[in-house]
N, C-alpha and C. Protein backbone atom coordinates (compact mmCIF):
# COMPACT_ATOMS: atom_id res chain seq x y z
N MET A 1 1.25 2.05 -1.67
CA MET A 1 2.26 2.54 -0.87
C MET A 1 1.77 2.79 0.58
N SER A 2 2.39 2.13 1.58
CA SER A 2 1.88 2.23 3.01
C SER A 2 2.95 2.41 3.85
N PHE A 3 2.79 3.26 4.80
CA PHE A 3 3.64 3.41 6.00
C PHE A 3 3.60 2.10 6.83
N ILE A 4 2.34 1.75 7.27
CA ILE A 4 2.15 0.46 8.02
C ILE A 4 0.99 -0.28 7.47
N PHE A 5 1.01 -1.63 7.44
CA PHE A 5 -0.05 -2.33 6.90
C PHE A 5 -0.25 -3.56 7.80
N THR A 6 -1.18 -3.51 8.75
CA THR A 6 -1.63 -4.58 9.56
C THR A 6 -3.03 -4.97 9.54
N SER A 7 -3.84 -4.34 8.60
CA SER A 7 -5.25 -4.63 8.44
C SER A 7 -5.47 -5.99 7.78
N GLU A 8 -5.99 -6.94 8.54
CA GLU A 8 -6.33 -8.23 8.00
C GLU A 8 -7.37 -8.23 6.86
N PRO A 9 -8.53 -7.42 7.18
CA PRO A 9 -9.46 -7.38 6.06
C PRO A 9 -8.97 -6.74 4.82
N ILE A 10 -8.16 -5.77 4.86
CA ILE A 10 -7.72 -5.17 3.61
C ILE A 10 -6.83 -6.04 2.96
N ALA A 11 -5.85 -6.71 3.58
CA ALA A 11 -4.95 -7.76 3.06
C ALA A 11 -5.73 -8.85 2.53
N ALA A 12 -6.88 -9.24 3.14
CA ALA A 12 -7.66 -10.35 2.49
C ALA A 12 -8.37 -9.95 1.13
N ALA A 13 -8.64 -8.65 1.09
CA ALA A 13 -9.26 -8.22 -0.23
C ALA A 13 -8.12 -8.08 -1.25
N LEU A 14 -6.93 -7.72 -0.94
CA LEU A 14 -5.93 -7.69 -1.88
C LEU A 14 -5.55 -9.07 -2.41
N LEU A 15 -5.45 -10.01 -1.38
CA LEU A 15 -5.17 -11.37 -1.61
C LEU A 15 -6.21 -12.01 -2.62
N GLU A 16 -7.44 -11.74 -2.33
CA GLU A 16 -8.51 -12.30 -3.26
C GLU A 16 -8.40 -11.74 -4.67
N ARG A 17 -8.06 -10.37 -4.73
CA ARG A 17 -7.90 -9.83 -6.08
C ARG A 17 -6.69 -10.43 -6.80
N ALA A 18 -5.61 -10.62 -6.14
CA ALA A 18 -4.46 -11.18 -6.72
C ALA A 18 -4.73 -12.66 -7.17
N GLN A 19 -5.47 -13.44 -6.45
CA GLN A 19 -5.90 -14.74 -6.81
C GLN A 19 -6.80 -14.82 -7.98
N GLU A 20 -7.51 -13.81 -8.19
CA GLU A 20 -8.35 -13.64 -9.32
C GLU A 20 -7.62 -13.16 -10.64
N GLY A 21 -6.30 -12.99 -10.44
CA GLY A 21 -5.63 -12.44 -11.54
C GLY A 21 -5.23 -10.99 -11.80
N VAL A 22 -5.72 -10.12 -10.81
CA VAL A 22 -5.42 -8.85 -10.77
C VAL A 22 -4.00 -8.65 -10.33
N VAL A 23 -3.25 -7.75 -11.08
CA VAL A 23 -1.94 -7.42 -10.67
C VAL A 23 -1.94 -6.57 -9.46
N VAL A 24 -1.30 -7.05 -8.41
CA VAL A 24 -1.22 -6.35 -7.17
C VAL A 24 0.16 -6.10 -6.80
N GLN A 25 0.57 -4.80 -6.70
CA GLN A 25 1.88 -4.37 -6.39
C GLN A 25 1.85 -3.42 -5.10
N GLY A 26 2.95 -3.37 -4.45
CA GLY A 26 2.97 -2.40 -3.36
C GLY A 26 4.43 -2.24 -2.79
N VAL A 27 4.47 -1.16 -2.05
CA VAL A 27 5.75 -0.83 -1.26
C VAL A 27 5.31 -0.53 0.14
N ILE A 28 5.86 -1.04 1.05
CA ILE A 28 5.58 -0.91 2.55
C ILE A 28 6.88 -0.26 3.12
N GLU A 29 6.70 0.59 4.05
CA GLU A 29 7.77 1.16 4.85
C GLU A 29 8.64 0.00 5.37
N ASP A 30 9.99 0.04 5.18
CA ASP A 30 10.87 -1.13 5.52
C ASP A 30 10.78 -1.36 6.97
N ARG A 31 10.80 -0.37 7.83
CA ARG A 31 10.82 -0.63 9.25
C ARG A 31 9.65 -1.26 9.82
N ASN A 32 8.46 -1.29 9.00
CA ASN A 32 7.20 -1.77 9.42
C ASN A 32 6.82 -3.19 8.82
N THR A 33 7.75 -3.73 8.08
CA THR A 33 7.44 -5.02 7.37
C THR A 33 7.49 -6.17 8.31
N GLY A 34 8.27 -5.97 9.32
CA GLY A 34 8.42 -7.27 10.16
C GLY A 34 7.76 -7.20 11.55
N GLY A 35 6.91 -6.20 11.60
CA GLY A 35 6.17 -5.90 12.97
C GLY A 35 5.20 -7.09 13.29
N GLN A 36 4.83 -7.18 14.57
CA GLN A 36 3.96 -8.21 15.04
C GLN A 36 2.82 -8.44 14.26
N TYR A 37 2.00 -7.54 13.81
CA TYR A 37 0.82 -7.82 13.12
C TYR A 37 0.93 -7.46 11.63
N SER A 38 2.18 -7.20 11.05
CA SER A 38 2.36 -6.74 9.78
C SER A 38 1.74 -7.92 8.81
N GLN A 39 1.20 -7.44 7.75
CA GLN A 39 0.59 -8.34 6.79
C GLN A 39 1.57 -8.52 5.60
N TYR A 40 2.74 -8.01 5.70
CA TYR A 40 3.76 -8.06 4.64
C TYR A 40 4.04 -9.40 4.18
N ASP A 41 4.43 -10.41 5.17
CA ASP A 41 4.77 -11.74 4.66
C ASP A 41 3.61 -12.45 4.07
N ARG A 42 2.42 -12.24 4.66
CA ARG A 42 1.26 -12.88 4.19
C ARG A 42 0.94 -12.42 2.79
N LEU A 43 1.03 -11.08 2.52
CA LEU A 43 0.76 -10.52 1.21
C LEU A 43 1.84 -11.01 0.19
N ARG A 44 3.06 -10.96 0.64
CA ARG A 44 4.13 -11.23 -0.28
C ARG A 44 3.98 -12.72 -0.86
N GLN A 45 3.47 -13.59 -0.13
CA GLN A 45 3.31 -14.96 -0.78
C GLN A 45 2.44 -15.13 -1.85
N VAL A 46 1.54 -14.06 -2.04
CA VAL A 46 0.52 -14.18 -3.04
C VAL A 46 0.55 -13.14 -4.06
N VAL A 47 0.80 -11.80 -3.58
CA VAL A 47 0.68 -10.75 -4.58
C VAL A 47 1.83 -10.83 -5.55
N HIS A 48 1.66 -10.08 -6.66
CA HIS A 48 2.62 -10.05 -7.61
C HIS A 48 4.00 -9.52 -7.35
N ASP A 49 3.93 -8.40 -6.67
CA ASP A 49 5.26 -7.70 -6.32
C ASP A 49 5.01 -6.79 -5.06
N LEU A 50 5.52 -7.16 -3.98
CA LEU A 50 5.48 -6.30 -2.74
C LEU A 50 6.87 -6.25 -2.21
N LEU A 51 7.32 -4.94 -1.94
CA LEU A 51 8.58 -4.69 -1.62
C LEU A 51 8.73 -3.80 -0.47
N PRO A 52 9.71 -3.89 0.39
CA PRO A 52 10.02 -2.88 1.49
C PRO A 52 10.55 -1.63 0.75
N ASP A 53 10.21 -0.38 1.35
CA ASP A 53 10.77 0.79 0.64
C ASP A 53 12.20 0.84 0.64
N GLY A 54 12.71 1.74 -0.28
CA GLY A 54 14.13 1.73 -0.42
C GLY A 54 14.83 3.00 -0.13
N ASN A 55 14.05 3.96 0.50
CA ASN A 55 14.57 5.18 0.89
C ASN A 55 15.21 5.19 2.26
N PRO A 56 16.16 6.04 2.60
CA PRO A 56 16.77 5.89 3.89
C PRO A 56 16.04 6.64 4.93
N TYR A 57 14.84 7.23 4.52
CA TYR A 57 14.07 8.01 5.52
C TYR A 57 12.81 7.17 5.68
N THR A 58 11.77 7.92 6.29
CA THR A 58 10.48 7.19 6.52
C THR A 58 9.66 7.43 5.34
N MET A 59 9.15 6.42 4.71
CA MET A 59 8.04 6.49 3.64
C MET A 59 6.68 6.44 4.34
N HIS A 60 6.07 7.64 4.39
CA HIS A 60 4.87 7.84 5.13
C HIS A 60 3.59 7.84 4.22
N HIS A 61 3.68 7.28 3.15
CA HIS A 61 2.61 7.31 2.24
C HIS A 61 1.50 6.32 2.73
N LYS A 62 0.23 6.77 2.31
CA LYS A 62 -0.98 5.86 2.75
C LYS A 62 -1.91 5.98 1.57
N VAL A 63 -1.60 5.13 0.46
CA VAL A 63 -2.28 5.26 -0.77
C VAL A 63 -2.51 3.94 -1.29
N ILE A 64 -3.64 3.72 -1.88
CA ILE A 64 -4.02 2.47 -2.75
C ILE A 64 -4.43 3.01 -4.12
N ILE A 65 -3.82 2.56 -5.10
CA ILE A 65 -4.13 2.88 -6.44
C ILE A 65 -5.00 1.85 -7.00
N ILE A 66 -6.21 2.06 -7.32
CA ILE A 66 -7.04 1.04 -7.76
C ILE A 66 -6.87 0.68 -9.29
N ASP A 67 -6.87 1.71 -10.05
CA ASP A 67 -6.68 1.70 -11.38
C ASP A 67 -6.10 2.95 -11.99
N ASP A 68 -6.33 3.20 -13.23
CA ASP A 68 -5.83 4.58 -13.82
C ASP A 68 -6.83 5.64 -13.56
N ALA A 69 -7.75 5.46 -12.66
CA ALA A 69 -8.77 6.50 -12.42
C ALA A 69 -9.13 6.68 -11.03
N THR A 70 -8.81 5.65 -10.17
CA THR A 70 -9.39 5.66 -8.75
C THR A 70 -8.12 5.50 -7.82
N VAL A 71 -8.14 6.39 -6.78
CA VAL A 71 -7.14 6.40 -5.74
C VAL A 71 -7.78 6.45 -4.38
N ILE A 72 -7.28 5.71 -3.43
CA ILE A 72 -7.66 5.95 -2.02
C ILE A 72 -6.47 6.44 -1.30
N LEU A 73 -6.70 7.48 -0.49
CA LEU A 73 -5.70 8.12 0.24
C LEU A 73 -6.27 8.88 1.53
N GLY A 74 -5.29 9.24 2.39
CA GLY A 74 -5.67 10.01 3.51
C GLY A 74 -4.71 9.79 4.59
N SER A 75 -5.15 10.12 5.79
CA SER A 75 -4.41 9.95 6.99
C SER A 75 -4.51 8.59 7.56
N TYR A 76 -5.44 7.77 6.92
CA TYR A 76 -5.94 6.43 7.29
C TYR A 76 -4.70 5.57 7.17
N ASN A 77 -4.08 4.89 8.29
CA ASN A 77 -3.10 3.89 8.22
C ASN A 77 -3.90 2.62 8.01
N PHE A 78 -3.37 1.68 7.32
CA PHE A 78 -4.06 0.36 6.94
C PHE A 78 -3.91 -0.57 8.18
N THR A 79 -4.69 -0.14 9.33
CA THR A 79 -4.58 -0.86 10.57
C THR A 79 -5.99 -0.96 11.20
N ALA A 80 -6.11 -1.88 12.08
CA ALA A 80 -7.29 -2.01 12.86
C ALA A 80 -7.67 -0.78 13.69
N SER A 81 -6.61 -0.18 14.20
CA SER A 81 -6.74 1.12 14.98
C SER A 81 -7.23 2.15 14.19
N ALA A 82 -6.88 2.36 12.96
CA ALA A 82 -7.19 3.38 12.04
C ALA A 82 -8.79 3.17 11.85
N ASN A 83 -9.27 2.07 11.79
CA ASN A 83 -10.60 1.80 11.53
C ASN A 83 -11.46 1.80 12.78
N GLU A 84 -10.99 1.55 13.87
CA GLU A 84 -11.92 1.21 15.07
C GLU A 84 -11.64 2.29 16.17
N ARG A 85 -10.41 2.86 16.32
CA ARG A 85 -10.16 3.69 17.39
C ARG A 85 -9.77 5.16 17.06
N ASN A 86 -8.97 5.29 16.01
CA ASN A 86 -8.31 6.60 15.70
C ASN A 86 -9.43 7.46 14.93
N ASP A 87 -9.01 8.68 14.90
CA ASP A 87 -9.97 9.57 14.08
C ASP A 87 -9.07 9.89 12.70
N GLU A 88 -9.15 8.83 11.92
CA GLU A 88 -8.29 9.05 10.66
C GLU A 88 -9.37 9.22 9.56
N ASN A 89 -8.92 9.90 8.39
CA ASN A 89 -9.78 10.12 7.36
C ASN A 89 -9.17 9.36 6.06
N ILE A 90 -10.24 9.18 5.15
CA ILE A 90 -9.97 8.44 3.92
C ILE A 90 -10.70 9.12 2.71
N LEU A 91 -9.99 9.31 1.73
CA LEU A 91 -10.68 9.89 0.48
C LEU A 91 -10.64 8.86 -0.59
N ILE A 92 -11.70 8.93 -1.42
CA ILE A 92 -11.57 8.01 -2.55
C ILE A 92 -11.88 8.97 -3.83
N ILE A 93 -10.83 9.06 -4.56
CA ILE A 93 -10.86 10.14 -5.71
C ILE A 93 -10.99 9.39 -7.00
N HIS A 94 -11.93 9.66 -7.76
CA HIS A 94 -12.19 9.12 -9.14
C HIS A 94 -11.84 10.27 -10.07
N ASP A 95 -10.55 10.27 -10.65
CA ASP A 95 -10.10 11.21 -11.51
C ASP A 95 -8.86 10.78 -12.09
N PRO A 96 -8.92 10.54 -13.49
CA PRO A 96 -7.69 10.00 -14.15
C PRO A 96 -6.48 10.88 -14.08
N GLU A 97 -6.62 12.13 -13.96
CA GLU A 97 -5.46 13.11 -13.85
C GLU A 97 -4.83 12.96 -12.55
N VAL A 98 -5.66 12.92 -11.50
CA VAL A 98 -5.08 12.74 -10.14
C VAL A 98 -4.43 11.36 -10.09
N ALA A 99 -5.22 10.33 -10.55
CA ALA A 99 -4.59 9.06 -10.48
C ALA A 99 -3.27 8.84 -11.21
N ALA A 100 -3.09 9.51 -12.23
CA ALA A 100 -1.89 9.53 -12.99
C ALA A 100 -0.65 10.12 -12.15
N LEU A 101 -0.92 11.07 -11.33
CA LEU A 101 0.08 11.63 -10.46
C LEU A 101 0.58 10.51 -9.36
N PHE A 102 -0.43 9.77 -8.93
CA PHE A 102 -0.16 8.77 -7.90
C PHE A 102 0.60 7.60 -8.56
N VAL A 103 0.14 7.31 -9.78
CA VAL A 103 0.86 6.21 -10.55
C VAL A 103 2.43 6.61 -10.74
N GLU A 104 2.59 7.92 -11.16
CA GLU A 104 3.94 8.39 -11.31
C GLU A 104 4.74 8.23 -9.88
N GLU A 105 4.09 8.71 -9.04
CA GLU A 105 4.75 8.52 -7.63
C GLU A 105 5.05 7.14 -7.25
N PHE A 106 4.03 6.30 -7.54
CA PHE A 106 4.32 4.90 -7.22
C PHE A 106 5.53 4.35 -8.02
N GLY A 107 5.62 4.77 -9.32
CA GLY A 107 6.77 4.30 -10.04
C GLY A 107 8.05 4.72 -9.50
N ARG A 108 8.17 5.96 -9.02
CA ARG A 108 9.37 6.48 -8.45
C ARG A 108 9.65 5.57 -7.13
N VAL A 109 8.72 5.44 -6.29
CA VAL A 109 8.98 4.76 -4.95
C VAL A 109 9.25 3.25 -5.18
N TYR A 110 8.52 2.72 -6.17
CA TYR A 110 8.67 1.32 -6.42
C TYR A 110 10.17 1.04 -7.04
N GLU A 111 10.58 1.96 -8.03
CA GLU A 111 11.90 1.84 -8.49
C GLU A 111 13.00 1.87 -7.50
N GLN A 112 12.76 2.84 -6.50
CA GLN A 112 13.73 2.99 -5.43
C GLN A 112 13.73 1.78 -4.59
N ALA A 113 12.70 1.23 -4.32
CA ALA A 113 12.60 -0.04 -3.56
C ALA A 113 13.22 -1.29 -4.27
N ARG A 114 12.88 -1.28 -5.62
CA ARG A 114 13.35 -2.46 -6.35
C ARG A 114 14.95 -2.42 -6.47
N THR A 115 15.51 -1.21 -6.55
CA THR A 115 16.99 -1.11 -6.71
C THR A 115 17.64 -1.31 -5.41
N GLN A 116 16.84 -1.34 -4.36
CA GLN A 116 17.57 -1.58 -3.01
C GLN A 116 17.59 -3.01 -2.67
N GLU A 117 16.83 -3.87 -3.36
CA GLU A 117 16.73 -5.34 -3.06
C GLU A 117 17.98 -6.00 -3.41
């Protein structure tokens, strides 16, 4: 779940995993899917399921769920600026209970996006 996604290296890693057969799904804030550096179209060609968000407000999530035990989150936008210029943070949490909460939130956000298509 991502507010903005312009990071080419992170997109490349997701594409690689998808090509290896890993199920890659996601939801990106609708207003940021068509931006100049957005990786949305590039990812959508290969990943299993990538949708623009479906809520009428701003989806400001910045989360990558790796599996049922590992979640990456923080103030870190998935952009080159977040990595090179901004003072953004990132947490990697290894906890099945915490991951389950994010999986539940992804299900809610995904369903909202899916029904808007």
